C-alpha atoms as a PDB file:
ATOM      1  CA  MET A   1       0.000   0.000   0.000  1.00  0.00           C
ATOM      2  CA  ASP A   2       2.833   2.383   0.874  1.00  0.00           C
ATOM      3  CA  ASN A   3       4.256   1.945  -2.630  1.00  0.00           C
ATOM      4  CA  GLU A   4       1.119   3.252  -4.326  1.00  0.00           C
ATOM      5  CA  ALA A   5       1.577   6.496  -6.228  1.00  0.00           C
ATOM      6  CA  PRO A   6      -0.136   9.493  -4.621  1.00  0.00           C
ATOM      7  CA  PRO A   7      -3.251  10.759  -6.420  1.00  0.00           C
ATOM      8  CA  PHE A   8      -2.736  13.004  -9.434  1.00  0.00           C
ATOM      9  CA  VAL A   9      -3.744  16.603  -8.705  1.00  0.00           C
ATOM     10  CA  SER A  10      -4.821  19.317 -11.132  1.00  0.00           C
ATOM     11  CA  VAL A  11      -4.330  22.844  -9.786  1.00  0.00           C
ATOM     12  CA  ILE A  12      -6.699  25.248 -11.571  1.00  0.00           C
ATOM     13  CA  VAL A  13      -5.947  28.979 -11.526  1.00  0.00           C
ATOM     14  CA  PRO A  14      -8.170  31.492 -13.368  1.00  0.00           C
ATOM     15  CA  VAL A  15      -6.583  34.821 -14.218  1.00  0.00           C
ATOM     16  CA  PHE A  16      -7.850  38.089 -15.679  1.00  0.00           C
ATOM     17  CA  ASN A  17      -5.517  41.029 -16.358  1.00  0.00           C
ATOM     18  CA  ASP A  18      -3.025  40.014 -13.649  1.00  0.00           C
ATOM     19  CA  GLN A  19       0.268  38.964 -15.216  1.00  0.00           C
ATOM     20  CA  ARG A  20       2.270  39.884 -12.117  1.00  0.00           C
ATOM     21  CA  GLY A  21      -0.033  37.926  -9.834  1.00  0.00           C
ATOM     22  CA  ILE A  22      -0.060  34.767 -11.953  1.00  0.00           C
ATOM     23  CA  ASP A  23       3.750  34.877 -12.272  1.00  0.00           C
ATOM     24  CA  ARG A  24       4.098  34.831  -8.483  1.00  0.00           C
ATOM     25  CA  CYS A  25       1.418  32.167  -8.057  1.00  0.00           C
ATOM     26  CA  VAL A  26       2.936  29.845 -10.670  1.00  0.00           C
ATOM     27  CA  GLU A  27       6.409  30.359  -9.188  1.00  0.00           C
ATOM     28  CA  ALA A  28       5.085  29.117  -5.822  1.00  0.00           C
ATOM     29  CA  LEU A  29       3.396  26.180  -7.512  1.00  0.00           C
ATOM     30  CA  THR A  30       6.619  25.043  -9.189  1.00  0.00           C
ATOM     31  CA  VAL A  31       8.321  24.411  -5.821  1.00  0.00           C
ATOM     32  CA  GLN A  32       5.601  22.398  -4.095  1.00  0.00           C
ATOM     33  CA  SER A  33       6.628  19.515  -1.828  1.00  0.00           C
ATOM     34  CA  TYR A  34       4.198  17.214  -3.634  1.00  0.00           C
ATOM     35  CA  PRO A  35       5.868  14.872  -6.190  1.00  0.00           C
ATOM     36  CA  LYS A  36       6.463  16.813  -9.404  1.00  0.00           C
ATOM     37  CA  ASP A  37       5.142  14.006 -11.614  1.00  0.00           C
ATOM     38  CA  ARG A  38       1.876  13.789  -9.667  1.00  0.00           C
ATOM     39  CA  TYR A  39       0.425  17.240 -10.281  1.00  0.00           C
ATOM     40  CA  GLU A  40      -0.217  19.716 -13.074  1.00  0.00           C
ATOM     41  CA  VAL A  41      -1.048  23.426 -13.071  1.00  0.00           C
ATOM     42  CA  VAL A  42      -3.747  24.635 -15.460  1.00  0.00           C
ATOM     43  CA  VAL A  43      -3.752  28.432 -15.836  1.00  0.00           C
ATOM     44  CA  VAL A  44      -6.931  29.741 -17.484  1.00  0.00           C
ATOM     45  CA  ASP A  45      -6.678  33.151 -19.156  1.00  0.00           C
ATOM     46  CA  ASN A  46     -10.201  34.602 -18.865  1.00  0.00           C
ATOM     47  CA  ASN A  47      -9.773  36.764 -21.990  1.00  0.00           C
ATOM     48  CA  SER A  48      -7.323  39.267 -20.493  1.00  0.00           C
ATOM     49  CA  VAL A  49      -6.875  42.536 -22.412  1.00  0.00           C
ATOM     50  CA  ILE A  50      -3.176  41.720 -22.753  1.00  0.00           C
ATOM     51  CA  PRO A  51      -3.009  37.926 -23.138  1.00  0.00           C
ATOM     52  CA  ILE A  52      -1.401  36.091 -20.250  1.00  0.00           C
ATOM     53  CA  ARG A  53       1.911  34.381 -20.903  1.00  0.00           C
ATOM     54  CA  LEU A  54       3.824  31.766 -18.935  1.00  0.00           C
ATOM     55  CA  GLU A  55       7.482  32.161 -18.119  1.00  0.00           C
ATOM     56  CA  ASP A  56       9.883  29.415 -19.191  1.00  0.00           C
ATOM     57  CA  GLU A  57      10.490  28.638 -15.513  1.00  0.00           C
ATOM     58  CA  ALA A  58       6.868  27.498 -15.151  1.00  0.00           C
ATOM     59  CA  GLY A  59       7.901  24.051 -16.375  1.00  0.00           C
ATOM     60  CA  SER A  60       6.298  21.430 -18.561  1.00  0.00           C
ATOM     61  CA  HIS A  61       3.710  20.504 -15.924  1.00  0.00           C
ATOM     62  CA  THR A  62       2.154  23.989 -16.215  1.00  0.00           C
ATOM     63  CA  ARG A  63      -0.221  24.675 -19.098  1.00  0.00           C
ATOM     64  CA  LEU A  64      -2.024  27.776 -20.287  1.00  0.00           C
ATOM     65  CA  THR A  65      -5.558  27.557 -21.628  1.00  0.00           C
ATOM     66  CA  TRP A  66      -8.168  30.185 -22.513  1.00  0.00           C
ATOM     67  CA  CYS A  67     -11.798  30.922 -21.689  1.00  0.00           C
ATOM     68  CA  GLY A  68     -13.728  33.641 -23.528  1.00  0.00           C
ATOM     69  CA  THR A  69     -16.821  33.551 -21.299  1.00  0.00           C
ATOM     70  CA  PRO A  70     -16.536  36.361 -18.718  1.00  0.00           C
ATOM     71  CA  GLY A  71     -16.237  35.327 -15.087  1.00  0.00           C
ATOM     72  CA  SER A  72     -13.876  33.311 -12.921  1.00  0.00           C
ATOM     73  CA  TYR A  73     -16.379  30.460 -12.530  1.00  0.00           C
ATOM     74  CA  ALA A  74     -16.592  29.982 -16.287  1.00  0.00           C
ATOM     75  CA  ALA A  75     -12.784  29.953 -16.327  1.00  0.00           C
ATOM     76  CA  ARG A  76     -12.670  27.356 -13.560  1.00  0.00           C
ATOM     77  CA  ASN A  77     -15.105  25.167 -15.497  1.00  0.00           C
ATOM     78  CA  GLN A  78     -12.793  25.436 -18.518  1.00  0.00           C
ATOM     79  CA  GLY A  79      -9.890  24.432 -16.314  1.00  0.00           C
ATOM     80  CA  ILE A  80     -11.798  21.388 -15.084  1.00  0.00           C
ATOM     81  CA  ASP A  81     -12.523  20.360 -18.670  1.00  0.00           C
ATOM     82  CA  ASP A  82      -8.865  20.805 -19.650  1.00  0.00           C
ATOM     83  CA  SER A  83      -7.413  18.973 -16.644  1.00  0.00           C
ATOM     84  CA  ARG A  84      -6.906  15.295 -15.858  1.00  0.00           C
ATOM     85  CA  GLY A  85      -6.442  15.049 -12.106  1.00  0.00           C
ATOM     86  CA  GLU A  86      -8.334  12.764  -9.772  1.00  0.00           C
ATOM     87  CA  ILE A  87      -8.176  15.668  -7.314  1.00  0.00           C
ATOM     88  CA  LEU A  88      -8.951  19.269  -8.292  1.00  0.00           C
ATOM     89  CA  ALA A  89      -7.278  22.067  -6.330  1.00  0.00           C
ATOM     90  CA  PHE A  90      -8.402  25.665  -6.866  1.00  0.00           C
ATOM     91  CA  THR A  91      -6.632  28.895  -6.059  1.00  0.00           C
ATOM     92  CA  ASP A  92      -6.520  32.442  -7.470  1.00  0.00           C
ATOM     93  CA  ALA A  93      -3.896  34.361  -9.416  1.00  0.00           C
ATOM     94  CA  ASP A  94      -3.371  36.784  -6.522  1.00  0.00           C
ATOM     95  CA  CYS A  95      -2.645  33.948  -4.063  1.00  0.00           C
ATOM     96  CA  ILE A  96       0.697  32.390  -3.153  1.00  0.00           C
ATOM     97  CA  PRO A  97       0.342  28.767  -2.012  1.00  0.00           C
ATOM     98  CA  LEU A  98       2.835  27.735   0.650  1.00  0.00           C
ATOM     99  CA  ARG A  99       5.243  24.945  -0.275  1.00  0.00           C
ATOM    100  CA  GLU A 100       3.215  22.189   1.432  1.00  0.00           C
ATOM    101  CA  TRP A 101      -0.144  23.438   0.116  1.00  0.00           C
ATOM    102  CA  ILE A 102      -0.889  20.563  -2.274  1.00  0.00           C
ATOM    103  CA  GLU A 103       0.561  17.955   0.090  1.00  0.00           C
ATOM    104  CA  ASN A 104      -1.513  19.155   3.037  1.00  0.00           C
ATOM    105  CA  GLY A 105      -4.692  19.607   0.983  1.00  0.00           C
ATOM    106  CA  VAL A 106      -4.459  16.071  -0.374  1.00  0.00           C
ATOM    107  CA  ALA A 107      -3.751  14.729   3.124  1.00  0.00           C
ATOM    108  CA  ALA A 108      -6.843  16.507   4.472  1.00  0.00           C
ATOM    109  CA  LEU A 109      -8.969  14.989   1.699  1.00  0.00           C
ATOM    110  CA  SER A 110      -7.581  11.536   2.412  1.00  0.00           C
ATOM    111  CA  GLU A 111      -8.222  11.851   6.134  1.00  0.00           C
ATOM    112  CA  GLY A 112     -11.759  13.144   5.562  1.00  0.00           C
ATOM    113  CA  GLY A 113     -12.819  10.297   3.283  1.00  0.00           C
ATOM    114  CA  ARG A 114     -14.276  10.088  -0.202  1.00  0.00           C
ATOM    115  CA  ASP A 115     -17.426  12.045   0.700  1.00  0.00           C
ATOM    116  CA  CYS A 116     -15.692  15.258   1.729  1.00  0.00           C
ATOM    117  CA  PHE A 117     -14.097  18.310   0.192  1.00  0.00           C
ATOM    118  CA  ILE A 118     -11.707  20.786   1.779  1.00  0.00           C
ATOM    119  CA  GLY A 119     -11.626  24.529   2.332  1.00  0.00           C
ATOM    120  CA  GLY A 120      -8.033  25.520   3.034  1.00  0.00           C
ATOM    121  CA  ASN A 121      -6.608  28.332   5.131  1.00  0.00           C
ATOM    122  CA  ILE A 122      -6.444  31.797   3.480  1.00  0.00           C
ATOM    123  CA  GLN A 123      -4.141  34.305   5.136  1.00  0.00           C
ATOM    124  CA  PHE A 124      -3.408  37.944   4.388  1.00  0.00           C
ATOM    125  CA  SER A 125       0.216  39.036   4.220  1.00  0.00           C
ATOM    126  CA  ALA A 126       1.237  41.807   6.597  1.00  0.00           C
ATOM    127  CA  PRO A 127       0.277  45.341   5.490  1.00  0.00           C
ATOM    128  CA  GLU A 128       3.050  47.303   3.815  1.00  0.00           C
ATOM    129  CA  SER A 129       1.607  50.600   2.618  1.00  0.00           C
ATOM    130  CA  GLY A 130      -0.270  51.446   5.817  1.00  0.00           C
ATOM    131  CA  SER A 131      -3.249  52.737   3.828  1.00  0.00           C
ATOM    132  CA  ALA A 132      -6.650  52.643   5.499  1.00  0.00           C
ATOM    133  CA  ALA A 133      -7.999  50.290   2.809  1.00  0.00           C
ATOM    134  CA  GLU A 134      -5.102  47.871   3.328  1.00  0.00           C
ATOM    135  CA  LEU A 135      -5.584  47.891   7.101  1.00  0.00           C
ATOM    136  CA  TYR A 136      -9.312  47.301   6.612  1.00  0.00           C
ATOM    137  CA  GLN A 137      -8.708  44.199   4.482  1.00  0.00           C
ATOM    138  CA  TYR A 138      -6.004  42.892   6.806  1.00  0.00           C
ATOM    139  CA  VAL A 139      -8.055  43.332   9.980  1.00  0.00           C
ATOM    140  CA  CYS A 140     -11.348  42.087   8.593  1.00  0.00           C
ATOM    141  CA  GLY A 141      -9.473  39.236   6.965  1.00  0.00           C
ATOM    142  CA  PHE A 142     -10.741  36.382   4.861  1.00  0.00           C
ATOM    143  CA  PRO A 143     -12.940  34.366   7.259  1.00  0.00           C
ATOM    144  CA  GLN A 144     -12.418  31.009   5.561  1.00  0.00           C
ATOM    145  CA  ARG A 145     -12.554  29.026   8.809  1.00  0.00           C
ATOM    146  CA  ALA A 146     -15.787  30.720   9.890  1.00  0.00           C
ATOM    147  CA  ASN A 147     -17.266  30.295   6.433  1.00  0.00           C
ATOM    148  CA  VAL A 148     -16.469  26.571   6.438  1.00  0.00           C
ATOM    149  CA  VAL A 149     -17.493  25.830  10.026  1.00  0.00           C
ATOM    150  CA  GLU A 150     -20.474  28.154  10.413  1.00  0.00           C
ATOM    151  CA  ARG A 151     -21.766  28.857   6.896  1.00  0.00           C
ATOM    152  CA  LYS A 152     -20.731  25.623   5.163  1.00  0.00           C
ATOM    153  CA  PHE A 153     -18.939  27.090   2.166  1.00  0.00           C
ATOM    154  CA  ALA A 154     -15.342  27.683   1.135  1.00  0.00           C
ATOM    155  CA  ALA A 155     -13.915  30.296  -1.189  1.00  0.00           C
ATOM    156  CA  THR A 156     -12.375  28.928  -4.372  1.00  0.00           C
ATOM    157  CA  ALA A 157      -9.177  30.784  -3.501  1.00  0.00           C
ATOM    158  CA  ASN A 158      -8.357  27.578  -1.582  1.00  0.00           C
ATOM    159  CA  LEU A 159     -10.525  24.561  -2.318  1.00  0.00           C
ATOM    160  CA  PHE A 160      -9.726  20.844  -2.799  1.00  0.00           C
ATOM    161  CA  SER A 161     -12.229  18.352  -4.175  1.00  0.00           C
ATOM    162  CA  TYR A 162     -12.344  14.983  -5.863  1.00  0.00           C
ATOM    163  CA  ARG A 163     -13.236  15.254  -9.537  1.00  0.00           C
ATOM    164  CA  THR A 164     -16.060  12.786  -8.929  1.00  0.00           C
ATOM    165  CA  HIS A 165     -17.781  15.412  -6.783  1.00  0.00           C
ATOM    166  CA  PHE A 166     -18.054  17.715  -9.807  1.00  0.00           C
ATOM    167  CA  ASP A 167     -19.364  14.796 -11.855  1.00  0.00           C
ATOM    168  CA  ARG A 168     -22.016  14.347  -9.162  1.00  0.00           C
ATOM    169  CA  VAL A 169     -22.820  17.963  -8.257  1.00  0.00           C
ATOM    170  CA  GLY A 170     -22.180  19.657 -11.602  1.00  0.00           C
ATOM    171  CA  LEU A 171     -19.881  22.531 -12.551  1.00  0.00           C
ATOM    172  CA  PHE A 172     -19.884  26.094 -11.222  1.00  0.00           C
ATOM    173  CA  ASP A 173     -22.785  28.341 -12.229  1.00  0.00           C
ATOM    174  CA  THR A 174     -21.426  30.641 -14.944  1.00  0.00           C
ATOM    175  CA  GLN A 175     -24.242  33.179 -14.420  1.00  0.00           C
ATOM    176  CA  LEU A 176     -22.480  34.268 -11.252  1.00  0.00           C
ATOM    177  CA  LEU A 177     -19.579  36.716 -11.297  1.00  0.00           C
ATOM    178  CA  SER A 178     -19.395  36.425  -7.487  1.00  0.00           C
ATOM    179  CA  GLY A 179     -20.761  33.864  -5.034  1.00  0.00           C
ATOM    180  CA  GLY A 180     -20.383  30.859  -7.312  1.00  0.00           C
ATOM    181  CA  ASP A 181     -18.321  29.099  -4.645  1.00  0.00           C
ATOM    182  CA  LEU A 182     -21.158  29.470  -2.120  1.00  0.00           C
ATOM    183  CA  GLU A 183     -23.725  28.190  -4.606  1.00  0.00           C
ATOM    184  CA  TRP A 184     -21.611  25.143  -5.537  1.00  0.00           C
ATOM    185  CA  CYS A 185     -20.815  24.285  -1.916  1.00  0.00           C
ATOM    186  CA  LEU A 186     -24.498  24.303  -1.002  1.00  0.00           C
ATOM    187  CA  ARG A 187     -25.292  22.018  -3.931  1.00  0.00           C
ATOM    188  CA  ALA A 188     -22.539  19.706  -2.718  1.00  0.00           C
ATOM    189  CA  ALA A 189     -23.995  19.719   0.796  1.00  0.00           C
ATOM    190  CA  ALA A 190     -27.375  18.744  -0.670  1.00  0.00           C
ATOM    191  CA  GLN A 191     -25.592  15.688  -2.114  1.00  0.00           C
ATOM    192  CA  ASP A 192     -24.292  14.777   1.385  1.00  0.00           C
ATOM    193  CA  ILE A 193     -20.704  15.794   0.568  1.00  0.00           C
ATOM    194  CA  GLU A 194     -19.156  17.181   3.751  1.00  0.00           C
ATOM    195  CA  LEU A 195     -17.045  20.346   3.785  1.00  0.00           C
ATOM    196  CA  LEU A 196     -14.048  20.310   6.142  1.00  0.00           C
ATOM    197  CA  PHE A 197     -11.483  22.976   7.035  1.00  0.00           C
ATOM    198  CA  SER A 198      -7.713  22.480   6.751  1.00  0.00           C
ATOM    199  CA  GLU A 199      -5.523  24.760   8.840  1.00  0.00           C
ATOM    200  CA  GLN A 200      -2.363  23.394   7.211  1.00  0.00           C
ATOM    201  CA  ALA A 201      -3.252  23.856   3.503  1.00  0.00           C
ATOM    202  CA  VAL A 202      -2.343  27.554   3.324  1.00  0.00           C
ATOM    203  CA  VAL A 203      -2.389  30.200   0.622  1.00  0.00           C
ATOM    204  CA  VAL A 204      -1.345  33.794   1.271  1.00  0.00           C
ATOM    205  CA  THR A 205      -2.819  36.812  -0.477  1.00  0.00           C
ATOM    206  CA  SER A 206      -2.104  40.525  -0.237  1.00  0.00           C
ATOM    207  CA  PRO A 207      -4.726  42.982   1.011  1.00  0.00           C
ATOM    208  CA  ARG A 208      -5.880  45.596  -1.484  1.00  0.00           C
ATOM    209  CA  THR A 209      -3.981  48.802  -0.922  1.00  0.00           C
ATOM    210  CA  ASN A 210      -6.417  51.375  -2.301  1.00  0.00           C
ATOM    211  CA  LEU A 211     -10.018  52.221  -1.601  1.00  0.00           C
ATOM    212  CA  SER A 212     -11.195  52.032  -5.207  1.00  0.00           C
ATOM    213  CA  ALA A 213     -10.105  48.377  -5.466  1.00  0.00           C
ATOM    214  CA  ALA A 214     -11.877  47.515  -2.210  1.00  0.00           C
ATOM    215  CA  ILE A 215     -15.040  49.235  -3.419  1.00  0.00           C
ATOM    216  CA  ARG A 216     -14.920  47.396  -6.761  1.00  0.00           C
ATOM    217  CA  GLN A 217     -14.718  44.133  -4.840  1.00  0.00           C
ATOM    218  CA  ALA A 218     -17.667  45.150  -2.636  1.00  0.00           C
ATOM    219  CA  ARG A 219     -19.780  45.989  -5.686  1.00  0.00           C
ATOM    220  CA  ARG A 220     -18.967  42.646  -7.299  1.00  0.00           C
ATOM    221  CA  VAL A 221     -19.941  40.823  -4.099  1.00  0.00           C
ATOM    222  CA  ALA A 222     -23.173  42.828  -3.930  1.00  0.00           C
ATOM    223  CA  GLY A 223     -24.097  41.713  -7.440  1.00  0.00           C
ATOM    224  CA  GLY A 224     -23.362  38.102  -6.616  1.00  0.00           C
ATOM    225  CA  ARG A 225     -25.434  38.135  -3.435  1.00  0.00           C
ATOM    226  CA  LEU A 226     -28.388  39.744  -5.163  1.00  0.00           C
ATOM    227  CA  LEU A 227     -28.387  37.158  -7.926  1.00  0.00           C
ATOM    228  CA  LEU A 228     -28.078  34.371  -5.372  1.00  0.00           C
ATOM    229  CA  ARG A 229     -31.129  35.710  -3.523  1.00  0.00           C
ATOM    230  CA  ARG A 230     -33.100  35.456  -6.753  1.00  0.00           C
ATOM    231  CA  MET A 231     -32.184  31.793  -7.158  1.00  0.00           C
ATOM    232  CA  SER A 232     -34.157  28.869  -5.788  1.00  0.00           C
ATOM    233  CA  GLN A 233     -34.405  29.116  -2.009  1.00  0.00           C
ATOM    234  CA  GLU A 234     -34.228  25.331  -1.883  1.00  0.00           C
ATOM    235  CA  VAL A 235     -30.582  25.669  -2.915  1.00  0.00           C
ATOM    236  CA  ILE A 236     -29.704  29.084  -1.463  1.00  0.00           C
ATOM    237  CA  PRO A 237     -31.352  29.794   1.916  1.00  0.00           C
ATOM    238  CA  ALA A 238     -31.905  33.533   2.328  1.00  0.00           C
ATOM    239  CA  ASP A 239     -29.658  33.827   5.396  1.00  0.00           C
ATOM    240  CA  ARG A 240     -26.663  32.409   3.487  1.00  0.00           C
ATOM    241  CA  THR A 241     -26.413  35.562   1.358  1.00  0.00           C
ATOM    242  CA  ASP A 242     -26.379  37.944   4.322  1.00  0.00           C
ATOM    243  CA  PRO A 243     -23.116  39.707   5.270  1.00  0.00           C
ATOM    244  CA  HIS A 244     -20.956  37.841   7.773  1.00  0.00           C
ATOM    245  CA  LYS A 245     -21.543  40.574  10.389  1.00  0.00           C
ATOM    246  CA  LYS A 246     -24.349  43.103  10.774  1.00  0.00           C
ATOM    247  CA  PRO A 247     -23.204  46.763  10.540  1.00  0.00           C
ATOM    248  CA  LEU A 248     -23.326  47.537  14.281  1.00  0.00           C
ATOM    249  CA  SER A 249     -21.696  44.243  15.172  1.00  0.00           C
ATOM    250  CA  ALA A 250     -18.976  44.824  12.594  1.00  0.00           C
ATOM    251  CA  ALA A 251     -18.338  48.343  13.886  1.00  0.00           C
ATOM    252  CA  GLY A 252     -18.020  47.098  17.462  1.00  0.00           C
ATOM    253  CA  TRP A 253     -15.689  44.312  16.370  1.00  0.00           C
ATOM    254  CA  ILE A 254     -13.408  46.739  14.495  1.00  0.00           C
ATOM    255  CA  LEU A 255     -13.210  49.098  17.490  1.00  0.00           C
ATOM    256  CA  LYS A 256     -12.088  46.203  19.703  1.00  0.00           C
ATOM    257  CA  GLN A 257      -9.023  45.377  17.564  1.00  0.00           C
ATOM    258  CA  GLU A 258      -6.421  46.411  20.098  1.00  0.00           C
ATOM    259  CA  GLN A 259      -3.486  45.481  17.847  1.00  0.00           C
ATOM    260  CA  LEU A 260      -4.281  48.766  16.069  1.00  0.00           C
ATOM    261  CA  SER A 261      -4.029  52.256  17.480  1.00  0.00           C
ATOM    262  CA  LEU A 262      -7.313  54.056  18.121  1.00  0.00           C
ATOM    263  CA  PHE A 263      -6.583  56.278  15.109  1.00  0.00           C
ATOM    264  CA  ASP A 264      -6.115  53.266  12.832  1.00  0.00           C
ATOM    265  CA  ARG A 265      -9.275  51.627  14.186  1.00  0.00           C
ATOM    266  CA  LEU A 266     -11.197  54.758  13.279  1.00  0.00           C
ATOM    267  CA  ARG A 267      -9.611  54.749   9.803  1.00  0.00           C
ATOM    268  CA  VAL A 268     -10.648  51.114   9.290  1.00  0.00           C
ATOM    269  CA  LEU A 269     -14.158  51.898  10.506  1.00  0.00           C
ATOM    270  CA  PHE A 270     -14.381  54.785   8.029  1.00  0.00           C
ATOM    271  CA  VAL A 271     -13.366  52.515   5.140  1.00  0.00           C
ATOM    272  CA  ALA A 272     -15.843  49.861   6.298  1.00  0.00           C
ATOM    273  CA  SER A 273     -18.595  52.490   6.295  1.00  0.00           C
ATOM    274  CA  LEU A 274     -17.735  53.635   2.760  1.00  0.00           C
ATOM    275  CA  ILE A 275     -17.702  50.047   1.524  1.00  0.00           C
ATOM    276  CA  LYS A 276     -21.077  49.394   3.131  1.00  0.00           C
ATOM    277  CA  VAL A 277     -22.531  52.443   1.366  1.00  0.00           C
ATOM    278  CA  ALA A 278     -21.017  51.311  -1.953  1.00  0.00           C
ATOM    279  CA  HIS A 279     -22.559  47.875  -1.428  1.00  0.00           C
ATOM    280  CA  MET A 280     -26.007  49.374  -0.766  1.00  0.00           C
ATOM    281  CA  LEU A 281     -25.821  51.676  -3.783  1.00  0.00           C
ATOM    282  CA  GLU A 282     -24.826  48.777  -6.031  1.00  0.00           C
ATOM    283  CA  VAL A 283     -27.780  46.714  -4.798  1.00  0.00           C
ATOM    284  CA  LEU A 284     -30.088  49.657  -5.543  1.00  0.00           C
ATOM    285  CA  ARG A 285     -28.589  50.081  -9.033  1.00  0.00           C
ATOM    286  CA  LEU A 286     -29.112  46.409  -9.811  1.00  0.00           C
ATOM    287  CA  LYS A 287     -32.663  46.391  -8.476  1.00  0.00           C
ATOM    288  CA  LEU A 288     -33.431  49.312 -10.794  1.00  0.00           C
ATOM    289  CA  GLY A 289     -32.433  47.207 -13.769  1.00  0.00           C
ATOM    290  CA  GLY A 290     -28.653  47.589 -13.920  1.00  0.00           C
ATOM    291  CA  LYS A 291     -26.471  44.667 -14.927  1.00  0.00           C
ATOM    292  CA  PRO A 292     -23.694  43.200 -12.784  1.00  0.00           C
ATOM    293  CA  GLU A 293     -20.341  44.422 -14.028  1.00  0.00           C
ATOM    294  CA  ARG A 294     -17.192  42.405 -14.408  1.00  0.00           C
ATOM    295  CA  ARG A 295     -14.368  43.953 -12.412  1.00  0.00           C
END
């Protein structure tokens, strides 16, 4: 049994207009501790304005494919179609997987059994610019553990699944420009596939450093949540599309972050308030007939 080859893994990374990010991500994926002949990296260019290219250092196990349908979930579906792994591992172009990421994700899947999938740990790198938007993203974080444990979904920035689960559940919903991970995870749960959290399978991402980028993200999330609310409530319960924290609760939580000075806490609270307003305005725009925008 010990001599059996480990399962073959396909790492799927969608990318749109982020050459620098995908270069760093692929570089991290070339030095994984997992056996080199037992994984591949499938980079999916989602019709970037300047086509994505792979550096020579990416290696023969890294391939570039293309998807013309807008949206990261359409690109992930293309990556699934173009891959051959028994296990599918998803991350994003702006993420840097740690060296043991694949190894630990596969181990978590093996320990969980054939009827599970894994949401891995997503960490923010330490702030560098000191901007209020960067501090906001760093402090509020990416609550992957809470999402997995409490809300039963994992972001596709760090997700491991057996290919057979996608055969059973279906692919990601390409109508969604945001929230497609939540929708797929809930469909998987309806098929009695259990979601587990892995602390050890880690990817690191950088917080956005400017307010406009954070607001664009908030607007995209708003569009995704609104579309999810319009979907069948049998698949998407209404409470699953609510924000993780209510406004007053979020404000209180920010003001209690004693690792920040009082001035920085107030700066973070100000950014959080602006983002909340941007979210509300985007919901209003969409309800008045506007279309979700790709950002």
